[in-house]
Amino acid sequence: MTRRDWNPLYILRWDAADGPHQTDGTSRDIHAAAPRINQLGDRGDVWNITVIDETGTDVTGRFFHHLEAAA
């Protein structure tokens, strides 16, 4: 049994000049990717950053609120 079997999965989506992107993972995975995506967003290289949980609810704030406060 892996942690993906009992941890909820999330989808991190963003748009860039070359089209839409997405990655999925556990909370830990998304928290690890968030600083890089946030930095790209601050530079204007990506936009429409969203995190969706297993129920389809937008939970972006859970992963990005602390990054915005540090800016």
N, C-alpha and C. Protein backbone atom coordinates (compact mmCIF):
# COMPACT_ATOMS: atom_id res chain seq x y z
N MET A 1 0.86 -1.18 0.00
CA MET A 1 0.00 0.00 0.00
C MET A 1 0.90 1.24 0.00
N THR A 2 0.62 2.16 -0.88
CA THR A 2 1.38 3.40 -0.94
C THR A 2 0.56 4.53 -0.35
N ARG A 3 1.22 5.66 -0.11
CA ARG A 3 0.50 6.80 0.47
C ARG A 3 -0.59 7.31 -0.47
N ARG A 4 -0.48 7.04 -1.75
CA ARG A 4 -1.53 7.46 -2.69
C ARG A 4 -2.82 6.66 -2.48
N ASP A 5 -2.71 5.49 -1.86
CA ASP A 5 -3.89 4.67 -1.61
C ASP A 5 -4.80 5.26 -0.54
N TRP A 6 -4.25 6.01 0.41
CA TRP A 6 -5.06 6.54 1.50
C TRP A 6 -5.03 8.05 1.63
N ASN A 7 -4.17 8.73 0.87
CA ASN A 7 -4.16 10.19 0.86
C ASN A 7 -5.00 10.69 -0.31
N PRO A 8 -5.75 11.77 -0.10
CA PRO A 8 -6.51 12.31 -1.22
C PRO A 8 -5.58 12.80 -2.32
N LEU A 9 -6.05 12.71 -3.54
CA LEU A 9 -5.29 13.22 -4.67
C LEU A 9 -5.87 14.56 -5.11
N TYR A 10 -4.99 15.40 -5.59
CA TYR A 10 -5.35 16.73 -6.08
C TYR A 10 -4.84 16.88 -7.50
N ILE A 11 -5.46 17.79 -8.24
CA ILE A 11 -5.00 18.13 -9.59
C ILE A 11 -4.58 19.59 -9.57
N LEU A 12 -3.34 19.85 -9.96
CA LEU A 12 -2.81 21.20 -10.12
C LEU A 12 -2.82 21.51 -11.60
N ARG A 13 -3.54 22.57 -11.96
CA ARG A 13 -3.66 22.98 -13.37
C ARG A 13 -3.15 24.40 -13.55
N TRP A 14 -2.56 24.66 -14.70
CA TRP A 14 -2.14 26.02 -15.06
C TRP A 14 -2.04 26.12 -16.57
N ASP A 15 -2.11 27.34 -17.07
CA ASP A 15 -1.96 27.61 -18.50
C ASP A 15 -0.64 28.33 -18.72
N ALA A 16 -0.04 28.06 -19.86
CA ALA A 16 1.20 28.73 -20.27
C ALA A 16 1.10 28.99 -21.77
N ALA A 17 2.09 29.66 -22.30
CA ALA A 17 2.08 30.00 -23.72
C ALA A 17 1.98 28.76 -24.61
N ASP A 18 2.51 27.63 -24.15
CA ASP A 18 2.46 26.41 -24.95
C ASP A 18 1.22 25.57 -24.68
N GLY A 19 0.27 26.10 -23.90
CA GLY A 19 -0.99 25.40 -23.69
C GLY A 19 -1.23 25.05 -22.24
N PRO A 20 -2.29 24.31 -21.97
CA PRO A 20 -2.63 23.92 -20.60
C PRO A 20 -1.72 22.81 -20.09
N HIS A 21 -1.51 22.83 -18.78
CA HIS A 21 -0.70 21.81 -18.11
C HIS A 21 -1.45 21.33 -16.89
N GLN A 22 -1.14 20.12 -16.45
CA GLN A 22 -1.70 19.64 -15.19
C GLN A 22 -0.82 18.52 -14.66
N THR A 23 -0.83 18.42 -13.35
CA THR A 23 -0.16 17.34 -12.66
C THR A 23 -1.04 16.94 -11.50
N ASP A 24 -0.98 15.70 -11.12
CA ASP A 24 -1.77 15.27 -9.98
C ASP A 24 -0.85 14.71 -8.91
N GLY A 25 -1.35 14.66 -7.71
CA GLY A 25 -0.57 14.11 -6.62
C GLY A 25 -1.24 14.34 -5.28
N THR A 26 -0.56 13.89 -4.25
CA THR A 26 -1.04 14.08 -2.89
C THR A 26 -0.80 15.52 -2.47
N SER A 27 -1.27 15.85 -1.30
CA SER A 27 -1.05 17.18 -0.75
C SER A 27 0.44 17.52 -0.73
N ARG A 28 1.25 16.58 -0.32
CA ARG A 28 2.70 16.79 -0.29
C ARG A 28 3.26 17.11 -1.67
N ASP A 29 2.80 16.39 -2.69
CA ASP A 29 3.26 16.63 -4.06
C ASP A 29 2.89 18.03 -4.54
N ILE A 30 1.65 18.43 -4.27
CA ILE A 30 1.19 19.74 -4.73
C ILE A 30 1.90 20.85 -3.96
N HIS A 31 2.08 20.68 -2.65
CA HIS A 31 2.83 21.68 -1.87
C HIS A 31 4.26 21.80 -2.38
N ALA A 32 4.86 20.72 -2.84
CA ALA A 32 6.22 20.76 -3.37
C ALA A 32 6.29 21.51 -4.69
N ALA A 33 5.26 21.38 -5.52
CA ALA A 33 5.24 22.04 -6.84
C ALA A 33 4.78 23.49 -6.76
N ALA A 34 4.00 23.84 -5.75
CA ALA A 34 3.38 25.17 -5.66
C ALA A 34 4.37 26.33 -5.72
N PRO A 35 5.49 26.32 -5.00
CA PRO A 35 6.40 27.47 -5.07
C PRO A 35 6.92 27.75 -6.49
N ARG A 36 7.24 26.70 -7.23
CA ARG A 36 7.73 26.88 -8.61
C ARG A 36 6.63 27.45 -9.50
N ILE A 37 5.43 26.91 -9.40
CA ILE A 37 4.32 27.40 -10.23
C ILE A 37 3.97 28.83 -9.83
N ASN A 38 3.98 29.12 -8.53
CA ASN A 38 3.69 30.47 -8.07
C ASN A 38 4.72 31.46 -8.60
N GLN A 39 5.98 31.09 -8.57
CA GLN A 39 7.04 31.96 -9.09
C GLN A 39 6.83 32.22 -10.59
N LEU A 40 6.49 31.19 -11.34
CA LEU A 40 6.21 31.38 -12.77
C LEU A 40 5.00 32.29 -12.96
N GLY A 41 4.01 32.15 -12.10
CA GLY A 41 2.84 33.02 -12.17
C GLY A 41 3.19 34.47 -11.87
N ASP A 42 4.04 34.69 -10.86
CA ASP A 42 4.48 36.05 -10.53
C ASP A 42 5.23 36.69 -11.70
N ARG A 43 5.95 35.89 -12.46
CA ARG A 43 6.68 36.42 -13.63
C ARG A 43 5.78 36.58 -14.85
N GLY A 44 4.58 36.05 -14.78
CA GLY A 44 3.66 36.14 -15.90
C GLY A 44 3.83 35.04 -16.93
N ASP A 45 4.63 34.02 -16.59
CA ASP A 45 4.86 32.92 -17.52
C ASP A 45 3.74 31.88 -17.51
N VAL A 46 2.98 31.82 -16.40
CA VAL A 46 1.81 30.94 -16.32
C VAL A 46 0.67 31.70 -15.69
N TRP A 47 -0.54 31.24 -15.90
CA TRP A 47 -1.73 31.90 -15.37
C TRP A 47 -2.82 30.86 -15.19
N ASN A 48 -3.95 31.28 -14.64
CA ASN A 48 -5.08 30.36 -14.37
C ASN A 48 -4.65 29.17 -13.53
N ILE A 49 -3.89 29.43 -12.49
CA ILE A 49 -3.42 28.38 -11.60
C ILE A 49 -4.57 27.95 -10.69
N THR A 50 -4.83 26.65 -10.67
CA THR A 50 -5.95 26.11 -9.90
C THR A 50 -5.57 24.75 -9.33
N VAL A 51 -6.04 24.48 -8.12
CA VAL A 51 -5.91 23.15 -7.53
C VAL A 51 -7.33 22.65 -7.24
N ILE A 52 -7.62 21.44 -7.71
CA ILE A 52 -8.93 20.83 -7.56
C ILE A 52 -8.78 19.56 -6.72
N ASP A 53 -9.70 19.37 -5.76
CA ASP A 53 -9.64 18.14 -4.96
C ASP A 53 -10.46 17.04 -5.61
N GLU A 54 -10.54 15.89 -4.94
CA GLU A 54 -11.23 14.73 -5.50
C GLU A 54 -12.72 14.94 -5.74
N THR A 55 -13.32 15.92 -5.05
CA THR A 55 -14.75 16.18 -5.24
C THR A 55 -14.99 17.22 -6.33
N GLY A 56 -13.91 17.76 -6.91
CA GLY A 56 -14.05 18.80 -7.93
C GLY A 56 -14.09 20.20 -7.37
N THR A 57 -13.83 20.34 -6.06
CA THR A 57 -13.85 21.65 -5.40
C THR A 57 -12.51 22.36 -5.59
N ASP A 58 -12.59 23.65 -5.88
CA ASP A 58 -11.38 24.47 -6.01
C ASP A 58 -10.79 24.69 -4.62
N VAL A 59 -9.58 24.19 -4.39
CA VAL A 59 -8.90 24.33 -3.10
C VAL A 59 -7.55 25.04 -3.27
N THR A 60 -7.45 25.88 -4.27
CA THR A 60 -6.20 26.56 -4.59
C THR A 60 -5.62 27.29 -3.38
N GLY A 61 -6.48 27.95 -2.60
CA GLY A 61 -6.02 28.71 -1.45
C GLY A 61 -5.26 27.87 -0.44
N ARG A 62 -5.60 26.61 -0.31
CA ARG A 62 -4.92 25.73 0.64
C ARG A 62 -3.44 25.56 0.31
N PHE A 63 -3.10 25.70 -0.96
CA PHE A 63 -1.74 25.45 -1.41
C PHE A 63 -0.95 26.71 -1.74
N PHE A 64 -1.66 27.82 -1.99
CA PHE A 64 -0.98 29.02 -2.45
C PHE A 64 -1.11 30.21 -1.51
N HIS A 65 -1.98 30.17 -0.49
CA HIS A 65 -2.20 31.35 0.34
C HIS A 65 -0.94 31.79 1.06
N HIS A 66 -0.14 30.88 1.55
CA HIS A 66 1.08 31.25 2.27
C HIS A 66 2.14 31.82 1.32
N LEU A 67 2.10 31.44 0.05
CA LEU A 67 3.06 31.98 -0.91
C LEU A 67 2.72 33.41 -1.27
N GLU A 68 1.44 33.71 -1.35
CA GLU A 68 1.01 35.08 -1.64
C GLU A 68 1.33 36.01 -0.48
N ALA A 69 1.20 35.52 0.74
CA ALA A 69 1.47 36.34 1.93
C ALA A 69 2.95 36.69 2.02
N ALA A 70 3.82 35.81 1.48
CA ALA A 70 5.26 36.05 1.54
C ALA A 70 5.72 37.02 0.47
N ALA A 71 4.90 37.23 -0.53
CA ALA A 71 5.31 38.09 -1.67
C ALA A 71 5.32 39.56 -1.30
